[in-house]
Amino acid sequence: MLNTIPKIMMKKGLLVSLLAPLIHLMAMPVQAQTCQSLVTDLPRYQSDANQGSYRFANGTGDAIRDIPEAQSYSAYIRTTQALIFARNPKATIPCELATKVSALLPSKPTQIADYVAPFELTHPNNQKAVLLIHGLTDSPFTFHALAADLYAQGYDVRTMLLPGHGTAASDLKETDYRDWQQHVRFAISRTASDYSDFAVLGYSTGAALATTEIAARRPDNLAALVLVAPATQSHSEKAWLAKWLDWLPWVDWVDKGADLDLAKYESFPLHAVTLVEQAMTDMREASLPASLPTLVIASDVDATINSQVTYQLLSRWAQARTAPLALRVYTPNALTALPESIDVTEIKTLDGVIDMSHIGFLNPPDHPYYGKTGVFRNCDAYLDDTSAFAHCKTTDTPNFGERSKANLAEYTPLIRVSFNPDYDPMTTQLVTFLDKAMQ
């Protein structure tokens, strides 16, 4: 999405306009849909992209809510759940997915709101926790596998919801960078108060926000930091223009999608680019505490984030390290030379996958929604080609990989991989890293 800034003045409705008359006849009523059928009913998918049915939040209540510093984490979760139900137009659509986390929650999830809401998994009298922070356009659903696996290893696990998320993409237009900072600061400080030892894991934009906050205010009992696909710098050379274009009232959306993915926005407001640009700038300037054990997980072919900038940042951090700094990187090619003090694990090949995408790290292959045979397929590369889009969504011979020019030229159809064949070994390294940091 960050790479589409040059196209913001172009209309992307070709896919839907070709089928508009048929779409209105075939679209099913919302009441008949489930979170699974939304993304498999192609006429409905295309109709909603055209109409923006789920792009805009319900007008109930404020899009952003302040968090009292003294609020308990359970109260924060309840307040955020209420916000989701008030503003998410898909909130009450039936949804029953057998994720690892759904079996551990106090009440069984039955609708979309239950899956995008923040949650915590706790053991009796436990003093070790991991706080998980999601990325841009995402939600805590991205941790519905990892959170359960960390919980099974004896950790309490908390997730949070970044402001502007979990409702509809239009709420990102109502979000200020300070809102993100406030909520991340609350989640970290509240967890620091509630546990003897804890770690923070941030994904993409969540990694950038966590890094900046910890660089400024590291709690004494923060034992480790994990950064997954950290948002250091986008590949778009024109993303910096967003803060100027954001002032133009007729330029408000970079992408207008169907927003049928149950947990992740497919539409992308221009204002969100200005927010993530600020987060990335702050991360590049951050200096982590040298004594903080840090693990970074990245893809050398990430089409969203420029991993070369990530390596440069790690090299700077490595200069004064007194604690372990490790990198697990998915790289089919020779890796850029890094300081010897960085413990590098290179993953050259992935079973059944060309290479690792920005969105694939945290989901195992058997994930019921994003997995190899899951309900959802990311075919956004073909949004402007009706037949190619349908073929990508329905083919029995898919190609999974990052959405790069090289892959698109060589593989048809190409599904942007949303799962990780290396999930189990990656999780093993993560748990070993956390265990050592919190021993």
Protein backbone atom coordinates (compact mmCIF):
# COMPACT_ATOMS: atom_id res chain seq x y z
CA MET A 1 0.00 0.00 0.00
CA LEU A 2 2.81 2.43 0.77
CA ASN A 3 4.08 1.76 -2.74
CA THR A 4 0.90 3.08 -4.35
CA ILE A 5 1.35 6.78 -3.53
CA PRO A 6 2.08 7.64 -7.20
CA LYS A 7 -1.34 6.24 -8.15
CA ILE A 8 -3.48 8.19 -5.72
CA MET A 9 -4.96 10.37 -8.44
CA MET A 10 -6.01 7.31 -10.47
CA LYS A 11 -9.31 5.51 -10.18
CA LYS A 12 -9.06 1.82 -9.41
CA GLY A 13 -12.62 0.86 -10.26
CA LEU A 14 -11.98 -1.03 -13.49
CA LEU A 15 -12.41 -4.40 -11.81
CA VAL A 16 -15.84 -3.61 -10.48
CA SER A 17 -17.20 -1.32 -13.17
CA LEU A 18 -17.05 -4.08 -15.76
CA LEU A 19 -19.39 -6.23 -13.69
CA ALA A 20 -21.53 -3.56 -12.01
CA PRO A 21 -24.89 -4.57 -13.51
CA LEU A 22 -24.38 -8.24 -12.65
CA ILE A 23 -23.05 -7.41 -9.20
CA HIS A 24 -26.21 -5.65 -8.03
CA LEU A 25 -28.30 -8.64 -9.02
CA MET A 26 -26.09 -11.25 -7.42
CA ALA A 27 -25.09 -9.56 -4.18
CA MET A 28 -26.39 -11.39 -1.12
CA PRO A 29 -27.85 -9.52 1.86
CA VAL A 30 -25.43 -8.85 4.70
CA GLN A 31 -27.48 -10.95 7.10
CA ALA A 32 -26.81 -14.07 5.04
CA GLN A 33 -23.05 -13.65 5.12
CA THR A 34 -20.40 -15.06 7.42
CA CYS A 35 -16.76 -14.04 7.73
CA GLN A 36 -15.93 -17.01 5.50
CA SER A 37 -18.48 -16.35 2.76
CA LEU A 38 -17.59 -12.67 2.51
CA VAL A 39 -14.25 -13.49 0.90
CA THR A 40 -15.35 -16.43 -1.22
CA ASP A 41 -18.41 -14.83 -2.84
CA LEU A 42 -16.64 -13.02 -5.67
CA PRO A 43 -19.60 -10.97 -6.92
CA ARG A 44 -20.14 -9.72 -3.39
CA TYR A 45 -16.44 -8.98 -3.02
CA GLN A 46 -16.44 -6.85 -6.13
CA SER A 47 -19.71 -5.12 -5.25
CA ASP A 48 -18.43 -4.02 -1.87
CA ALA A 49 -15.21 -2.71 -3.38
CA ASN A 50 -17.32 -0.55 -5.67
CA GLN A 51 -19.77 0.64 -3.03
CA GLY A 52 -17.40 0.91 -0.07
CA SER A 53 -19.90 -0.93 2.11
CA TYR A 54 -17.37 -1.65 4.86
CA ARG A 55 -14.91 1.18 4.25
CA PHE A 56 -16.65 3.61 6.57
CA ALA A 57 -17.23 3.27 10.29
CA ASN A 58 -20.63 3.50 11.90
CA GLY A 59 -21.25 6.98 13.26
CA THR A 60 -21.77 5.82 16.83
CA GLY A 61 -19.49 7.43 19.41
CA ASP A 62 -15.96 8.74 18.98
CA ALA A 63 -13.43 6.97 16.77
CA ILE A 64 -10.66 7.44 19.34
CA ARG A 65 -10.92 7.11 23.10
CA ASP A 66 -8.41 8.29 25.65
CA ILE A 67 -7.07 5.79 28.16
CA PRO A 68 -6.81 6.76 31.84
CA GLU A 69 -3.31 5.89 33.04
CA ALA A 70 -4.69 4.03 36.06
CA GLN A 71 -7.09 1.89 34.02
CA SER A 72 -6.68 -1.87 34.42
CA TYR A 73 -5.87 -3.92 31.35
CA SER A 74 -9.13 -5.83 31.61
CA ALA A 75 -11.04 -2.53 31.68
CA TYR A 76 -9.07 -1.37 28.62
CA ILE A 77 -10.11 -4.54 26.77
CA ARG A 78 -13.78 -4.08 27.68
CA THR A 79 -13.75 -0.43 26.58
CA THR A 80 -12.09 -1.32 23.29
CA GLN A 81 -14.55 -4.13 22.63
CA ALA A 82 -17.41 -1.66 23.09
CA LEU A 83 -15.76 0.69 20.59
CA ILE A 84 -15.52 -2.10 18.02
CA PHE A 85 -19.18 -3.04 18.40
CA ALA A 86 -20.20 0.61 18.09
CA ARG A 87 -18.18 1.47 14.97
CA ASN A 88 -17.31 -1.69 13.00
CA PRO A 89 -19.96 -2.27 10.29
CA LYS A 90 -18.98 -5.97 10.19
CA ALA A 91 -18.91 -6.42 13.97
CA THR A 92 -21.92 -8.71 14.30
CA ILE A 93 -21.41 -10.79 11.16
CA PRO A 94 -21.25 -14.45 12.26
CA CYS A 95 -17.73 -15.85 12.43
CA GLU A 96 -16.53 -19.11 13.91
CA LEU A 97 -12.91 -19.98 13.17
CA ALA A 98 -10.97 -22.64 15.04
CA THR A 99 -7.89 -20.54 15.78
CA LYS A 100 -5.56 -21.53 18.59
CA VAL A 101 -6.62 -18.52 20.63
CA SER A 102 -10.37 -18.92 20.13
CA ALA A 103 -10.29 -22.11 22.21
CA LEU A 104 -8.58 -20.26 25.09
CA LEU A 105 -10.81 -17.20 25.39
CA PRO A 106 -13.33 -17.00 28.28
CA SER A 107 -16.25 -17.07 25.85
CA LYS A 108 -16.30 -18.66 22.41
CA PRO A 109 -15.93 -16.15 19.56
CA THR A 110 -19.04 -16.10 17.39
CA GLN A 111 -18.79 -12.86 15.39
CA ILE A 112 -16.17 -10.73 13.69
CA ALA A 113 -15.85 -8.30 16.61
CA ASP A 114 -14.65 -11.15 18.82
CA TYR A 115 -11.70 -11.82 16.52
CA VAL A 116 -10.43 -8.27 16.01
CA ALA A 117 -10.69 -7.26 19.67
CA PRO A 118 -7.67 -7.18 22.00
CA PHE A 119 -7.39 -10.06 24.44
CA GLU A 120 -5.18 -11.46 27.17
CA LEU A 121 -4.36 -15.03 28.16
CA THR A 122 -3.37 -15.51 31.79
CA HIS A 123 -2.11 -18.23 34.12
CA PRO A 124 -2.78 -18.18 37.87
CA ASN A 125 -0.09 -16.33 39.82
CA ASN A 126 2.19 -15.85 36.82
CA GLN A 127 4.77 -13.06 36.74
CA LYS A 128 6.08 -13.33 33.16
CA ALA A 129 4.27 -11.83 30.19
CA VAL A 130 4.63 -10.92 26.52
CA LEU A 131 2.89 -7.87 25.07
CA LEU A 132 2.05 -8.15 21.34
CA ILE A 133 1.51 -5.02 19.19
CA HIS A 134 0.06 -5.37 15.68
CA GLY A 135 0.79 -3.37 12.54
CA LEU A 136 -0.88 -0.86 10.24
CA THR A 137 -4.39 -1.80 8.96
CA ASP A 138 -4.18 -4.96 11.09
CA SER A 139 -5.67 -6.16 14.39
CA PRO A 140 -4.91 -8.56 17.27
CA PHE A 141 -6.24 -11.37 15.07
CA THR A 142 -2.75 -11.50 13.57
CA PHE A 143 -1.63 -13.04 16.89
CA HIS A 144 -4.29 -15.76 17.12
CA ALA A 145 -1.61 -18.42 16.64
CA LEU A 146 1.49 -16.95 18.25
CA ALA A 147 -0.30 -15.80 21.41
CA ALA A 148 -1.55 -19.32 22.07
CA ASP A 149 1.88 -20.82 21.46
CA LEU A 150 3.52 -18.39 23.87
CA TYR A 151 0.79 -19.08 26.42
CA ALA A 152 1.46 -22.81 26.09
CA GLN A 153 5.08 -22.12 27.06
CA GLY A 154 3.98 -20.56 30.34
CA TYR A 155 3.77 -16.88 29.44
CA ASP A 156 0.83 -14.60 30.04
CA VAL A 157 0.04 -12.84 26.77
CA ARG A 158 -1.54 -9.48 26.08
CA THR A 159 -2.53 -7.83 22.83
CA MET A 160 -3.63 -4.26 22.16
CA LEU A 161 -5.52 -2.46 19.42
CA LEU A 162 -3.91 0.57 17.82
CA PRO A 163 -6.33 3.53 17.53
CA GLY A 164 -8.13 3.68 14.19
CA HIS A 165 -8.07 -0.11 13.84
CA GLY A 166 -10.59 -2.89 14.38
CA THR A 167 -13.48 -0.78 13.10
CA ALA A 168 -13.29 0.55 9.53
CA ALA A 169 -10.56 2.11 7.42
CA SER A 170 -12.18 5.55 7.62
CA ASP A 171 -11.29 5.69 11.32
CA LEU A 172 -7.62 5.93 10.37
CA LYS A 173 -8.49 9.36 8.98
CA GLU A 174 -9.57 10.38 12.49
CA THR A 175 -6.36 9.14 14.13
CA ASP A 176 -3.45 11.25 15.29
CA TYR A 177 0.09 9.95 15.75
CA ARG A 178 -0.15 10.92 19.41
CA ASP A 179 -3.08 8.52 19.76
CA TRP A 180 -0.86 5.63 18.72
CA GLN A 181 1.86 6.80 21.08
CA GLN A 182 -0.53 7.13 24.02
CA HIS A 183 -2.01 3.66 23.59
CA VAL A 184 1.38 1.97 23.13
CA ARG A 185 2.72 3.81 26.18
CA PHE A 186 -0.26 2.67 28.24
CA ALA A 187 0.07 -0.98 27.16
CA ILE A 188 3.79 -1.08 27.96
CA SER A 189 3.59 0.78 31.27
CA ARG A 190 0.52 -1.15 32.43
CA THR A 191 2.22 -4.46 31.67
CA ALA A 192 5.37 -3.28 33.42
CA SER A 193 3.27 -2.55 36.50
CA ASP A 194 1.42 -5.86 36.44
CA TYR A 195 4.38 -8.26 35.99
CA SER A 196 7.84 -8.87 37.40
CA ASP A 197 9.33 -9.51 33.94
CA PHE A 198 7.94 -8.98 30.47
CA ALA A 199 8.84 -8.72 26.82
CA VAL A 200 7.37 -6.72 23.95
CA LEU A 201 6.86 -8.08 20.45
CA GLY A 202 5.94 -5.59 17.75
CA TYR A 203 4.98 -6.39 14.18
CA SER A 204 5.59 -3.91 11.35
CA THR A 205 4.27 -0.51 12.47
CA GLY A 206 3.78 -1.99 15.94
CA ALA A 207 7.51 -2.73 15.98
CA ALA A 208 8.32 0.87 15.09
CA LEU A 209 6.04 2.28 17.78
CA ALA A 210 7.37 -0.12 20.41
CA THR A 211 10.99 0.68 19.55
CA THR A 212 10.47 4.43 19.83
CA GLU A 213 8.63 4.16 23.15
CA ILE A 214 11.19 1.79 24.67
CA ALA A 215 14.11 3.90 23.46
CA ALA A 216 12.60 6.84 25.33
CA ARG A 217 11.26 5.07 28.41
CA ARG A 218 12.51 1.54 28.99
CA PRO A 219 10.84 -0.01 32.05
CA ASP A 220 13.36 -1.57 34.42
CA ASN A 221 11.65 -4.97 34.17
CA LEU A 222 11.50 -5.08 30.36
CA ALA A 223 13.56 -8.19 29.63
CA ALA A 224 13.48 -8.41 25.83
CA LEU A 225 12.26 -6.85 22.59
CA VAL A 226 11.19 -8.73 19.45
CA LEU A 227 10.68 -6.89 16.15
CA VAL A 228 8.91 -8.73 13.33
CA ALA A 229 9.17 -7.11 9.88
CA PRO A 230 9.86 -3.76 11.59
CA ALA A 231 8.63 -0.72 9.69
CA THR A 232 11.88 1.14 9.12
CA GLN A 233 11.32 2.59 5.64
CA SER A 234 8.93 1.84 2.82
CA HIS A 235 10.01 1.05 -0.71
CA SER A 236 8.03 4.01 -2.03
CA GLU A 237 10.32 6.92 -2.79
CA LYS A 238 7.34 9.28 -2.80
CA ALA A 239 5.72 8.31 0.50
CA TRP A 240 7.11 11.50 2.06
CA LEU A 241 4.71 13.48 -0.16
CA ALA A 242 1.77 12.13 1.81
CA LYS A 243 1.99 14.77 4.54
CA TRP A 244 1.58 17.48 1.89
CA LEU A 245 -1.10 15.73 -0.15
CA ASP A 246 -3.00 15.04 3.07
CA TRP A 247 -4.01 18.71 3.11
CA LEU A 248 -5.88 18.36 -0.19
CA PRO A 249 -9.55 17.55 0.53
CA TRP A 250 -10.07 15.71 -2.77
CA VAL A 251 -7.11 13.38 -2.24
CA ASP A 252 -8.07 11.14 0.65
CA TRP A 253 -7.63 7.47 -0.34
CA VAL A 254 -4.59 5.61 -1.64
CA ASP A 255 -6.51 2.36 -2.08
CA LYS A 256 -10.22 1.59 -2.07
CA GLY A 257 -10.74 -2.12 -1.48
CA ALA A 258 -13.68 -4.29 -0.53
CA ASP A 259 -12.61 -4.53 3.13
CA LEU A 260 -13.94 -8.07 3.40
CA ASP A 261 -10.88 -9.48 5.14
CA LEU A 262 -12.35 -9.98 8.59
CA ALA A 263 -9.40 -8.51 10.49
CA LYS A 264 -7.34 -6.31 8.17
CA TYR A 265 -8.33 -3.22 6.18
CA GLU A 266 -8.07 -3.44 2.41
CA SER A 267 -8.79 0.26 1.91
CA PHE A 268 -6.03 2.68 2.81
CA PRO A 269 -6.53 6.39 3.54
CA LEU A 270 -3.79 8.81 2.62
CA HIS A 271 -3.66 10.09 6.20
CA ALA A 272 -2.49 6.64 7.33
CA VAL A 273 0.61 7.09 5.19
CA THR A 274 1.49 10.25 7.09
CA LEU A 275 1.10 8.35 10.37
CA VAL A 276 3.31 5.42 9.42
CA GLU A 277 5.89 7.74 7.86
CA GLN A 278 6.23 9.44 11.24
CA ALA A 279 6.50 6.08 12.99
CA MET A 280 9.23 4.93 10.59
CA THR A 281 11.16 8.18 10.90
CA ASP A 282 11.12 7.91 14.68
CA MET A 283 12.25 4.29 14.56
CA ARG A 284 15.21 5.06 12.30
CA GLU A 285 16.33 7.72 14.76
CA ALA A 286 15.85 5.56 17.86
CA SER A 287 18.73 4.20 19.90
CA LEU A 288 17.75 1.11 21.84
CA PRO A 289 19.24 0.46 25.27
CA ALA A 290 22.46 -1.49 24.68
CA SER A 291 21.57 -3.89 27.48
CA LEU A 292 18.19 -4.92 26.02
CA PRO A 293 18.19 -8.38 24.33
CA THR A 294 16.65 -7.89 20.90
CA LEU A 295 15.49 -10.34 18.23
CA VAL A 296 14.56 -9.16 14.74
CA ILE A 297 12.68 -11.31 12.21
CA ALA A 298 12.66 -10.03 8.63
CA SER A 299 12.37 -10.94 4.96
CA ASP A 300 15.08 -9.85 2.56
CA VAL A 301 12.47 -9.59 -0.21
CA ASP A 302 9.81 -7.73 1.80
CA ALA A 303 7.81 -5.73 -0.74
CA THR A 304 6.41 -3.32 1.85
CA ILE A 305 9.48 -2.47 3.94
CA ASN A 306 13.01 -1.86 2.66
CA SER A 307 14.94 -4.47 4.61
CA GLN A 308 18.25 -2.89 3.63
CA VAL A 309 17.34 0.03 5.88
CA THR A 310 16.49 -2.44 8.64
CA TYR A 311 19.97 -3.98 8.32
CA GLN A 312 21.55 -0.52 8.49
CA LEU A 313 19.66 0.19 11.69
CA LEU A 314 20.73 -3.13 13.21
CA SER A 315 24.34 -2.40 12.29
CA ARG A 316 24.14 0.90 14.15
CA TRP A 317 22.57 -0.75 17.18
CA ALA A 318 25.28 -3.43 17.15
CA GLN A 319 28.07 -0.90 17.70
CA ALA A 320 27.46 -0.51 21.42
CA ARG A 321 25.67 -3.73 22.34
CA THR A 322 26.16 -5.42 25.68
CA ALA A 323 23.14 -7.72 25.23
CA PRO A 324 22.35 -10.23 22.46
CA LEU A 325 21.17 -8.87 19.10
CA ALA A 326 19.83 -11.58 16.79
CA LEU A 327 18.36 -11.62 13.29
CA ARG A 328 16.27 -14.37 11.71
CA VAL A 329 15.99 -13.50 8.04
CA TYR A 330 14.26 -15.12 5.07
CA THR A 331 16.66 -14.57 2.21
CA PRO A 332 16.82 -16.61 -1.00
CA ASN A 333 19.88 -14.62 -2.04
CA ALA A 334 23.21 -13.68 -0.48
CA LEU A 335 22.63 -11.48 2.55
CA THR A 336 24.18 -8.06 3.00
CA ALA A 337 27.26 -8.26 5.23
CA LEU A 338 26.38 -7.51 8.85
CA PRO A 339 28.53 -7.01 11.97
CA GLU A 340 29.73 -10.27 13.47
CA SER A 341 28.16 -9.33 16.79
CA ILE A 342 24.71 -9.88 15.26
CA ASP A 343 23.65 -13.52 15.57
CA VAL A 344 22.21 -14.19 12.11
CA THR A 345 20.02 -17.15 11.16
CA GLU A 346 19.37 -17.32 7.41
CA ILE A 347 16.38 -19.22 6.01
CA LYS A 348 17.06 -19.88 2.33
CA THR A 349 14.08 -21.99 1.27
CA LEU A 350 10.47 -22.39 2.35
CA ASP A 351 8.37 -25.48 1.71
CA GLY A 352 5.82 -24.74 -1.02
CA VAL A 353 6.49 -20.99 -0.96
CA ILE A 354 8.63 -18.90 -3.31
CA ASP A 355 9.73 -16.39 -0.66
CA MET A 356 8.42 -14.68 2.47
CA SER A 357 6.06 -11.71 2.28
CA HIS A 358 5.54 -8.89 4.75
CA ILE A 359 2.21 -10.37 5.83
CA GLY A 360 3.20 -14.02 6.20
CA PHE A 361 5.47 -14.29 9.25
CA LEU A 362 3.03 -14.95 12.08
CA ASN A 363 0.55 -17.45 10.66
CA PRO A 364 1.25 -21.20 10.53
CA PRO A 365 0.42 -23.08 7.32
CA ASP A 366 -2.67 -24.64 8.95
CA HIS A 367 -4.16 -21.29 9.99
CA PRO A 368 -7.91 -21.59 9.28
CA TYR A 369 -8.16 -18.15 7.66
CA TYR A 370 -4.73 -17.14 6.31
CA GLY A 371 -3.16 -20.59 5.95
CA LYS A 372 -2.26 -22.59 2.85
CA THR A 373 -5.79 -23.95 2.51
CA GLY A 374 -7.40 -21.17 4.55
CA VAL A 375 -10.47 -19.19 3.58
CA PHE A 376 -8.67 -16.00 2.56
CA ARG A 377 -6.35 -15.44 -0.40
CA ASN A 378 -4.56 -12.16 -1.00
CA CYS A 379 -5.01 -11.51 -4.72
CA ASP A 380 -4.76 -7.72 -4.63
CA ALA A 381 -2.19 -7.75 -7.44
CA TYR A 382 -5.05 -8.52 -9.85
CA LEU A 383 -7.68 -6.05 -8.66
CA ASP A 384 -7.75 -4.34 -12.06
CA ASP A 385 -8.08 -7.57 -14.04
CA THR A 386 -11.40 -9.34 -13.54
CA SER A 387 -10.48 -12.74 -14.94
CA ALA A 388 -7.02 -12.82 -13.33
CA PHE A 389 -8.51 -11.86 -9.96
CA ALA A 390 -11.10 -14.64 -10.15
CA HIS A 391 -8.46 -17.15 -11.26
CA CYS A 392 -6.22 -16.19 -8.35
CA LYS A 393 -9.07 -16.62 -5.87
CA THR A 394 -10.19 -20.02 -7.18
CA THR A 395 -7.20 -21.83 -8.72
CA ASP A 396 -6.27 -25.31 -7.52
CA THR A 397 -2.61 -24.69 -8.41
CA PRO A 398 -1.65 -21.52 -6.53
CA ASN A 399 1.79 -19.96 -6.31
CA PHE A 400 2.56 -18.40 -2.93
CA GLY A 401 5.17 -15.68 -2.49
CA GLU A 402 5.88 -12.00 -1.98
CA ARG A 403 4.15 -9.59 -4.36
CA SER A 404 7.26 -8.55 -6.29
CA LYS A 405 7.62 -7.64 -9.95
CA ALA A 406 9.86 -10.65 -10.52
CA ASN A 407 7.39 -13.07 -8.95
CA LEU A 408 4.41 -11.59 -10.79
CA ALA A 409 6.27 -11.94 -14.08
CA GLU A 410 7.26 -15.56 -13.46
CA TYR A 411 4.30 -17.04 -11.57
CA THR A 412 0.62 -16.95 -12.52
CA PRO A 413 -1.42 -16.60 -10.49
CA LEU A 414 0.62 -15.27 -7.59
CA ILE A 415 -1.03 -15.21 -4.17
CA ARG A 416 0.71 -12.97 -1.67
CA VAL A 417 1.66 -15.53 0.95
CA SER A 418 -0.07 -14.96 4.29
CA PHE A 419 1.42 -17.93 6.14
CA ASN A 420 4.87 -19.12 7.13
CA PRO A 421 6.12 -22.68 6.41
CA ASP A 422 8.93 -21.89 8.87
CA TYR A 423 6.49 -20.95 11.63
CA ASP A 424 7.40 -23.77 14.04
CA PRO A 425 11.21 -23.30 13.87
CA MET A 426 10.73 -19.53 14.08
CA THR A 427 8.55 -19.92 17.18
CA THR A 428 11.09 -22.28 18.74
CA GLN A 429 13.83 -19.66 18.33
CA LEU A 430 11.53 -17.00 19.72
CA VAL A 431 10.63 -19.02 22.82
CA THR A 432 14.28 -19.94 23.44
CA PHE A 433 15.21 -16.26 23.16
CA LEU A 434 12.47 -15.20 25.60
CA ASP A 435 13.23 -17.98 28.07
CA LYS A 436 16.88 -16.96 28.23
CA ALA A 437 16.02 -13.27 28.60
CA MET A 438 13.54 -13.92 31.41
CA GLN A 439 15.28 -16.75 33.24
